């Protein structure tokens, strides 16, 4: 009996106690791991990643890429022999980059410049509306929306002009309109000059400056957190694992995927 009890105590010391220490250490680590702020998660949706974009890129990153693609596409009509057909081909390529749904109703969920920039504005606004948003983020959101809105308006204009080109039967008319589209798409990238409207280049600078002002500093948000928030019926945002179970089905309506 003594030997049995002694062995039990020995096994307890050799196996159970170390196990408890390991588990306790892990638990302590989990507790101490700091979550990003909800505001920073929304900023991450703009600059790091979003579940529905191509390759899960940040919304503003997609805006930059599609804006550049739109300009390259429409500038291409100037190369080689300019015919009505080539002008229309390059115009259609440009429209896909601006708004894929402009050329196909089946592409309404695809991301062009207009959609990606609109949603980037939305998420910067969501960041500012978060309870944990800094004064820096709150002040920036309104400015970002104000500076970005002319680009959205210009996208609407570009689509209207592009549609006129696709309907045109005159090379002279189509070419003149395409030349104007080059100007408008370049303005989307570079802005309209000193004292004028901002372009994507200037908006990127504004975003970076806002992020650099954050205190505590903004850190790139890990994927598990980037896609880990949902929007509750109340309009508030929460981590999906902390939300009431009856809202689990809304996971893809927040950081997990949409609105």
Foldseek 3Di string as FASTA:
>chain_A
DVVVVVVVVVCCVVPVVVVVVVVVVVVVVVVPDDADALLLLLLLLQQAAADQAVVRGRLLVLLLVLLVQLLVLLVVCPPDDRDLVSNLVSLLSNLCQLAVCLPPVVCNSYDHNLVSLVSNLVSLVLSLVAPPHDPLSVVLSVVLCVLCVVLNVLSVVSSVLSVVSNVDPDSVSSVVSSVVSSVSSVCQACNDDVPGGHHSVVSVVSSVVSQPPDVVHRDNHDPCNSLQWFQDPVRHIDGLVPDPPVCVVRSCCPSNNHD
